[in-house]
Amino acid sequence: MAKVAIIYLVWSDEPKKYLADALAGVAAQTYPKDKTALVIIYNSHRPEEPSCLEFIRATVAASDNLPETIILPQSANLGFTGGNNAGLRWAADNGFDYAFLHNADGFLRPEAIERLVAVMEADKNIGQTQALILLHSEKELINSAGNRWHYLGVGYCDLFRRPLAGVNLPPIKEIGYVSGAATLLRLDLVNRFGGLNPNFYLYHEDAEYSWRLKIRGFKTTLVSNAIFVHRYAFSRNPQKYYWLERNRQAVKLLLYRWPTLILLLPLEILYGLALFLTSLFGGFTGALLRAWGYWLKAGNWSVWLAERKKYQAERRLNDRAILRLAAPTIDAGELVAQRPLVFLANLLFTFYYYFLKITVWW
């Protein structure tokens, strides 16, 4: 039977808010305990706050029915990518077959790991899968039924806030990309293609990893009867907008051929203008300008061009196939803009999408 490492990434004071529920969810799993390990990555803490490391140790020691539990404290905040990569390295070095990335602010329903592993074991062409993520505050509503990837590089949760009872999800569904909040990865593919890209640090790293698998012919899926409950809240801090915009551009640069990037330029300029105007009202103009400024520095390009070279050499999907897998509209745009603006933008996005489908033959 396959061995599964559950990687629980947490930092600063998060253990005091979320750890008890997460441990209870892990303890309740129906997957055999002797084939499971819980790897808690404590990603350090804010300078002004005390460490929660001893709290984590005491809470784990007082918990019942946990599998083997390993605590890996980090000396600095390595971000989402670096922290999870520390867990992936431990799992790979210790002979595990799969690793489940477990967001700090959520918990698993009892049969989630068993059902995710069963799907991956039955179809070796599935490179990565995720649980159906429900909102903690409104458990009848969906947080993510997989994520969708717009062809401009914008990612968003599919079926966000849709009532679960009102949708008819198949048991297994191919999706645009897998949410990093609750995803099962094959460690043999991590060994072959690498873990989460550390150049992303935060945001879009899950989109990039899914595309890294998809361009090599692997599928990314949702398992709709494996449930993860998430205390989701859309953060509006300016730092988030910096990483979202910088990394959106990075995914596009990695994936597309140069002719496609050139064709996207007119729409990209219009999107950038709309984003700038939105930032004036949303208070993230500085973060947006810093993200654009990042791409004006020649030294930053060398890192991404080296990554791009590997992508372009190893991919089995052409740009036409990538566009077929992309979303033509942004359904969650109201998170950063008002609905009338989103409606008008989606009209333009749809028109441009079909223009690209006609034009891009490479």
Protein backbone atom coordinates (compact mmCIF):
# COMPACT_ATOMS: atom_id res chain seq x y z
CA MET A 1 0.00 0.00 0.00
CA ALA A 2 1.22 3.51 -0.88
CA LYS A 3 2.80 5.67 1.82
CA VAL A 4 1.42 9.20 2.25
CA ALA A 5 3.03 12.16 3.95
CA ILE A 6 0.62 14.93 5.00
CA ILE A 7 2.59 18.18 4.92
CA TYR A 8 1.08 20.76 7.23
CA LEU A 9 2.65 24.17 6.69
CA VAL A 10 2.09 26.73 9.43
CA TRP A 11 3.83 29.89 10.60
CA SER A 12 3.88 32.56 13.29
CA ASP A 13 0.77 32.40 15.53
CA GLU A 14 -1.27 30.22 13.15
CA PRO A 15 -0.85 27.07 15.30
CA LYS A 16 -2.88 28.62 18.12
CA LYS A 17 -5.74 29.35 15.72
CA TYR A 18 -5.79 26.29 13.50
CA LEU A 19 -3.64 23.40 14.72
CA ALA A 20 -6.22 21.63 16.91
CA ASP A 21 -8.74 21.28 14.06
CA ALA A 22 -6.08 20.19 11.60
CA LEU A 23 -4.78 17.48 13.96
CA ALA A 24 -8.31 16.23 14.60
CA GLY A 25 -8.86 15.93 10.84
CA VAL A 26 -5.62 13.99 10.38
CA ALA A 27 -6.41 11.70 13.33
CA ALA A 28 -9.83 10.90 11.85
CA GLN A 29 -8.47 9.72 8.49
CA THR A 30 -9.52 6.25 7.39
CA TYR A 31 -6.23 5.71 5.55
CA PRO A 32 -3.99 3.30 7.53
CA LYS A 33 -1.93 5.10 10.17
CA ASP A 34 1.08 2.86 9.55
CA LYS A 35 1.17 4.13 5.94
CA THR A 36 0.83 7.78 6.91
CA ALA A 37 3.08 10.44 8.39
CA LEU A 38 2.22 13.98 9.44
CA VAL A 39 5.01 16.45 8.71
CA ILE A 40 4.49 19.80 10.44
CA ILE A 41 6.59 22.57 8.93
CA TYR A 42 6.80 25.51 11.33
CA ASN A 43 7.82 28.29 8.96
CA SER A 44 9.26 30.50 11.72
CA HIS A 45 7.40 33.55 13.08
CA ARG A 46 7.12 37.31 12.84
CA PRO A 47 9.99 39.16 14.60
CA GLU A 48 7.61 40.85 17.04
CA GLU A 49 5.88 37.60 18.03
CA PRO A 50 7.05 34.68 20.18
CA SER A 51 7.67 31.29 18.61
CA CYS A 52 4.84 28.73 18.73
CA LEU A 53 7.20 25.79 18.40
CA GLU A 54 6.73 24.59 21.99
CA PHE A 55 2.98 25.03 21.64
CA ILE A 56 3.04 22.78 18.55
CA ARG A 57 5.04 20.11 20.38
CA ALA A 58 2.75 20.17 23.40
CA THR A 59 -0.41 20.05 21.27
CA VAL A 60 0.91 17.10 19.24
CA ALA A 61 1.95 15.26 22.41
CA ALA A 62 -1.55 15.71 23.86
CA SER A 63 -3.33 14.52 20.70
CA ASP A 64 -4.64 10.98 20.25
CA ASN A 65 -4.64 8.68 17.22
CA LEU A 66 -2.16 10.64 15.14
CA PRO A 67 0.14 8.85 12.69
CA GLU A 68 3.89 9.25 13.03
CA THR A 69 4.39 13.00 13.42
CA ILE A 70 7.53 14.92 12.55
CA ILE A 71 8.02 18.60 13.34
CA LEU A 72 10.45 20.50 11.13
CA PRO A 73 11.04 24.04 12.42
CA GLN A 74 12.55 26.51 9.93
CA SER A 75 14.90 29.32 10.89
CA ALA A 76 13.14 31.82 8.58
CA ASN A 77 9.86 32.19 6.71
CA LEU A 78 10.50 30.34 3.45
CA GLY A 79 7.13 31.25 1.98
CA PHE A 80 4.56 28.77 0.73
CA THR A 81 6.93 27.24 -1.79
CA GLY A 82 10.00 26.94 0.42
CA GLY A 83 8.11 25.62 3.41
CA ASN A 84 6.27 22.96 1.45
CA ASN A 85 9.45 22.00 -0.39
CA ALA A 86 11.09 21.23 2.97
CA GLY A 87 8.27 18.76 3.60
CA LEU A 88 8.47 17.31 0.10
CA ARG A 89 12.20 16.70 0.55
CA TRP A 90 11.60 14.89 3.84
CA ALA A 91 8.87 12.73 2.28
CA ALA A 92 10.97 11.84 -0.75
CA ASP A 93 14.04 11.05 1.38
CA ASN A 94 11.99 8.75 3.60
CA GLY A 95 10.46 6.60 0.88
CA PHE A 96 6.94 8.01 0.64
CA ASP A 97 4.89 7.67 -2.53
CA TYR A 98 2.60 10.68 -2.16
CA ALA A 99 2.56 14.00 -0.34
CA PHE A 100 -0.59 15.90 0.56
CA LEU A 101 -0.17 19.67 0.92
CA HIS A 102 -2.44 20.77 3.78
CA ASN A 103 -3.19 24.49 4.21
CA ALA A 104 -2.78 25.79 7.75
CA ASP A 105 -6.34 27.13 8.01
CA GLY A 106 -8.29 24.03 7.10
CA PHE A 107 -8.95 20.41 7.97
CA LEU A 108 -9.69 17.10 6.26
CA ARG A 109 -12.91 15.13 6.37
CA PRO A 110 -12.30 11.49 7.41
CA GLU A 111 -12.09 9.65 4.05
CA ALA A 112 -10.31 12.39 2.08
CA ILE A 113 -6.81 10.88 1.89
CA GLU A 114 -8.14 7.37 1.19
CA ARG A 115 -10.23 8.62 -1.73
CA LEU A 116 -7.50 10.82 -3.21
CA VAL A 117 -4.95 7.99 -3.13
CA ALA A 118 -7.41 5.53 -4.67
CA VAL A 119 -7.90 7.82 -7.68
CA MET A 120 -4.16 8.35 -8.15
CA GLU A 121 -3.44 4.63 -7.82
CA ALA A 122 -6.10 3.78 -10.42
CA ASP A 123 -4.81 6.21 -13.06
CA LYS A 124 -1.06 6.73 -13.26
CA ASN A 125 -1.57 9.48 -15.83
CA ILE A 126 -3.04 11.74 -13.13
CA GLY A 127 -0.05 13.74 -11.97
CA GLN A 128 -1.80 15.68 -9.23
CA THR A 129 -5.27 15.83 -7.71
CA GLN A 130 -7.11 17.92 -5.16
CA ALA A 131 -9.92 17.57 -2.68
CA LEU A 132 -13.17 19.47 -3.07
CA ILE A 133 -12.69 22.51 -0.83
CA LEU A 134 -15.69 23.82 1.12
CA LEU A 135 -15.98 27.08 3.04
CA HIS A 136 -15.66 26.66 6.79
CA SER A 137 -18.13 29.39 7.69
CA GLU A 138 -20.71 28.14 5.18
CA LYS A 139 -20.02 24.45 4.71
CA GLU A 140 -22.77 24.09 2.12
CA LEU A 141 -20.83 26.45 -0.19
CA ILE A 142 -17.86 25.59 -2.39
CA ASN A 143 -14.52 27.32 -2.00
CA SER A 144 -12.81 25.53 -4.90
CA ALA A 145 -13.90 22.73 -7.20
CA GLY A 146 -10.51 22.96 -8.83
CA ASN A 147 -9.07 26.21 -10.13
CA ARG A 148 -9.49 27.80 -13.54
CA TRP A 149 -6.66 29.50 -15.43
CA HIS A 150 -7.48 32.44 -17.66
CA TYR A 151 -5.29 32.77 -20.76
CA LEU A 152 -3.82 36.04 -19.40
CA GLY A 153 -2.45 34.07 -16.45
CA VAL A 154 -5.15 34.96 -13.91
CA GLY A 155 -6.18 32.06 -11.68
CA TYR A 156 -9.39 31.73 -9.69
CA CYS A 157 -11.50 29.19 -7.79
CA ASP A 158 -14.03 27.32 -9.91
CA LEU A 159 -17.62 27.32 -8.60
CA PHE A 160 -16.67 29.75 -5.82
CA ARG A 161 -19.54 30.18 -3.34
CA ARG A 162 -21.83 27.90 -5.34
CA PRO A 163 -24.12 25.74 -3.14
CA LEU A 164 -22.80 22.18 -3.16
CA ALA A 165 -26.32 20.83 -3.43
CA GLY A 166 -26.88 22.82 -6.61
CA VAL A 167 -23.99 21.45 -8.67
CA ASN A 168 -23.59 18.04 -10.25
CA LEU A 169 -19.91 17.22 -9.98
CA PRO A 170 -18.56 13.96 -11.42
CA PRO A 171 -16.52 11.77 -9.05
CA ILE A 172 -13.33 12.71 -10.94
CA LYS A 173 -13.04 15.87 -13.01
CA GLU A 174 -10.14 17.28 -15.02
CA ILE A 175 -9.48 20.86 -13.97
CA GLY A 176 -7.49 23.88 -15.11
CA TYR A 177 -5.06 23.63 -12.23
CA VAL A 178 -4.95 22.25 -8.73
CA SER A 179 -5.33 24.37 -5.61
CA GLY A 180 -2.25 24.21 -3.40
CA ALA A 181 -4.49 24.35 -0.32
CA ALA A 182 -5.43 20.66 -0.45
CA THR A 183 -3.57 18.67 -3.09
CA LEU A 184 -2.01 15.23 -3.43
CA LEU A 185 1.28 15.03 -5.38
CA ARG A 186 3.16 12.04 -6.76
CA LEU A 187 6.63 12.09 -5.25
CA ASP A 188 8.16 10.25 -8.20
CA LEU A 189 7.12 13.21 -10.37
CA VAL A 190 8.44 15.65 -7.78
CA ASN A 191 11.76 13.81 -7.99
CA ARG A 192 11.71 14.01 -11.82
CA PHE A 193 10.43 17.55 -12.34
CA GLY A 194 11.14 19.30 -9.05
CA GLY A 195 8.89 20.56 -6.27
CA LEU A 196 7.16 23.91 -6.07
CA ASN A 197 9.13 26.59 -7.91
CA PRO A 198 10.93 28.66 -5.21
CA ASN A 199 11.07 31.67 -7.53
CA PHE A 200 7.32 32.13 -6.96
CA TYR A 201 7.51 32.30 -3.15
CA LEU A 202 3.75 33.00 -2.84
CA TYR A 203 0.79 32.70 -5.23
CA HIS A 204 0.49 31.06 -8.65
CA GLU A 205 3.01 28.41 -7.58
CA ASP A 206 0.18 25.87 -7.70
CA ALA A 207 -0.77 26.98 -11.23
CA GLU A 208 2.84 26.71 -12.34
CA TYR A 209 3.26 23.22 -10.88
CA SER A 210 0.07 21.97 -12.51
CA TRP A 211 1.14 23.36 -15.88
CA ARG A 212 4.58 21.79 -15.43
CA LEU A 213 2.80 18.43 -15.32
CA LYS A 214 0.19 19.20 -17.99
CA ILE A 215 2.72 20.24 -20.64
CA ARG A 216 4.37 16.84 -20.13
CA GLY A 217 1.10 14.98 -20.72
CA PHE A 218 -0.16 14.43 -17.16
CA LYS A 219 -3.67 15.24 -15.98
CA THR A 220 -4.70 17.40 -13.03
CA THR A 221 -8.00 16.48 -11.40
CA LEU A 222 -10.57 17.09 -8.69
CA VAL A 223 -11.86 14.23 -6.54
CA SER A 224 -15.28 15.52 -5.56
CA ASN A 225 -16.01 13.11 -2.69
CA ALA A 226 -12.73 13.92 -0.90
CA ILE A 227 -13.49 16.96 1.27
CA PHE A 228 -11.26 19.65 2.75
CA VAL A 229 -12.85 22.43 4.82
CA HIS A 230 -11.13 25.81 4.51
CA ARG A 231 -11.32 29.02 6.54
CA TYR A 232 -11.00 31.01 3.35
CA ALA A 233 -10.83 34.81 3.27
CA PHE A 234 -9.66 36.86 0.30
CA SER A 235 -6.83 38.97 1.69
CA ARG A 236 -6.51 42.48 0.27
CA ASN A 237 -3.10 43.39 1.65
CA PRO A 238 -0.89 45.19 -0.92
CA GLN A 239 1.90 42.60 -0.68
CA LYS A 240 -0.47 39.96 -2.03
CA TYR A 241 -1.17 42.02 -5.14
CA TYR A 242 2.56 42.31 -5.80
CA TRP A 243 3.04 38.55 -5.87
CA LEU A 244 -0.17 37.92 -7.81
CA GLU A 245 0.79 40.30 -10.61
CA ARG A 246 4.49 39.44 -10.74
CA ASN A 247 3.82 35.70 -10.79
CA ARG A 248 0.95 35.95 -13.28
CA GLN A 249 3.44 37.35 -15.76
CA ALA A 250 5.94 34.61 -14.88
CA VAL A 251 3.54 31.77 -15.69
CA LYS A 252 2.73 33.33 -19.07
CA LEU A 253 6.41 33.75 -19.87
CA LEU A 254 7.13 30.12 -19.04
CA LEU A 255 4.24 28.66 -21.00
CA TYR A 256 3.70 30.54 -24.24
CA ARG A 257 5.85 30.82 -27.34
CA TRP A 258 7.01 34.29 -28.30
CA PRO A 259 4.45 34.79 -31.11
CA THR A 260 1.61 34.15 -28.65
CA LEU A 261 3.07 36.58 -26.12
CA ILE A 262 3.28 39.22 -28.86
CA LEU A 263 -0.35 38.59 -29.86
CA LEU A 264 -1.40 39.03 -26.23
CA LEU A 265 0.32 42.41 -25.88
CA PRO A 266 -2.62 44.64 -26.91
CA LEU A 267 -4.96 42.90 -24.49
CA GLU A 268 -2.26 42.89 -21.81
CA ILE A 269 -1.91 46.68 -22.12
CA LEU A 270 -5.67 47.16 -21.73
CA TYR A 271 -5.77 44.75 -18.80
CA GLY A 272 -2.86 46.56 -17.17
CA LEU A 273 -4.60 49.91 -17.55
CA ALA A 274 -7.80 48.54 -16.01
CA LEU A 275 -5.81 46.96 -13.19
CA PHE A 276 -4.02 50.26 -12.54
CA LEU A 277 -7.31 52.16 -12.34
CA THR A 278 -8.70 49.51 -10.00
CA SER A 279 -5.58 49.78 -7.83
CA LEU A 280 -6.19 53.51 -7.31
CA PHE A 281 -9.46 52.69 -5.56
CA GLY A 282 -8.22 49.47 -3.98
CA GLY A 283 -5.07 50.88 -2.39
CA PHE A 284 -2.56 48.58 -4.05
CA THR A 285 -1.05 50.93 -6.67
CA GLY A 286 2.40 50.79 -5.07
CA ALA A 287 2.42 47.00 -5.07
CA LEU A 288 1.31 46.92 -8.70
CA LEU A 289 4.03 49.34 -9.79
CA ARG A 290 6.64 47.30 -7.92
CA ALA A 291 5.46 44.16 -9.72
CA TRP A 292 5.80 45.87 -13.10
CA GLY A 293 9.14 47.34 -12.05
CA TYR A 294 10.40 43.84 -11.32
CA TRP A 295 10.13 43.02 -15.02
CA LEU A 296 12.06 46.14 -16.01
CA LYS A 297 15.24 44.77 -14.41
CA ALA A 298 17.36 42.76 -16.84
CA GLY A 299 18.82 40.61 -14.07
CA ASN A 300 15.40 39.23 -13.17
CA TRP A 301 14.80 38.08 -16.73
CA SER A 302 17.81 35.74 -16.70
CA VAL A 303 16.23 33.60 -13.95
CA TRP A 304 12.95 33.19 -15.78
CA LEU A 305 14.45 32.73 -19.23
CA ALA A 306 16.49 29.81 -17.89
CA GLU A 307 13.26 28.28 -16.52
CA ARG A 308 11.48 29.01 -19.80
CA LYS A 309 14.14 27.16 -21.78
CA LYS A 310 13.38 23.96 -19.85
CA TYR A 311 9.65 24.40 -20.35
CA GLN A 312 9.91 24.93 -24.06
CA ALA A 313 12.30 22.01 -24.56
CA GLU A 314 10.22 19.44 -22.65
CA ARG A 315 6.62 20.37 -23.34
CA ARG A 316 4.23 18.11 -25.28
CA LEU A 317 1.44 20.71 -25.60
CA ASN A 318 1.55 23.48 -28.17
CA ASP A 319 0.06 26.93 -27.54
CA ARG A 320 -3.13 26.01 -29.34
CA ALA A 321 -3.69 23.13 -26.90
CA ILE A 322 -2.85 25.37 -23.92
CA LEU A 323 -5.49 27.87 -25.05
CA ARG A 324 -8.07 25.08 -25.30
CA LEU A 325 -7.42 24.26 -21.64
CA ALA A 326 -7.58 27.91 -20.53
CA ALA A 327 -10.67 29.82 -19.43
CA PRO A 328 -11.98 32.59 -21.75
CA THR A 329 -13.39 34.71 -18.89
CA ILE A 330 -12.60 35.62 -15.28
CA ASP A 331 -15.60 34.63 -13.20
CA ALA A 332 -14.15 35.71 -9.84
CA GLY A 333 -13.09 39.19 -10.93
CA GLU A 334 -15.45 40.83 -8.43
CA LEU A 335 -12.87 40.03 -5.78
CA VAL A 336 -10.79 42.96 -7.08
CA ALA A 337 -13.26 44.89 -9.27
CA GLN A 338 -16.95 45.73 -9.43
CA ARG A 339 -19.32 43.49 -11.37
CA PRO A 340 -20.10 45.96 -14.21
CA LEU A 341 -16.40 46.27 -14.98
CA VAL A 342 -16.01 42.48 -14.83
CA PHE A 343 -18.91 42.03 -17.26
CA LEU A 344 -17.41 44.43 -19.81
CA ALA A 345 -13.95 42.93 -19.39
CA ASN A 346 -15.31 39.44 -20.00
CA LEU A 347 -16.92 40.53 -23.24
CA LEU A 348 -13.53 41.69 -24.46
CA PHE A 349 -11.78 38.59 -23.07
CA THR A 350 -14.21 36.33 -24.92
CA PHE A 351 -13.76 38.15 -28.21
CA TYR A 352 -9.96 38.03 -27.87
CA TYR A 353 -10.02 34.37 -26.84
CA TYR A 354 -11.73 33.34 -30.07
CA PHE A 355 -9.40 35.60 -32.04
CA LEU A 356 -6.47 33.70 -30.52
CA LYS A 357 -8.09 30.31 -31.18
CA ILE A 358 -8.41 31.24 -34.85
CA THR A 359 -4.95 32.82 -35.10
CA VAL A 360 -2.70 30.56 -33.01
CA TRP A 361 -1.85 27.46 -34.98
CA TRP A 362 1.55 26.75 -33.35
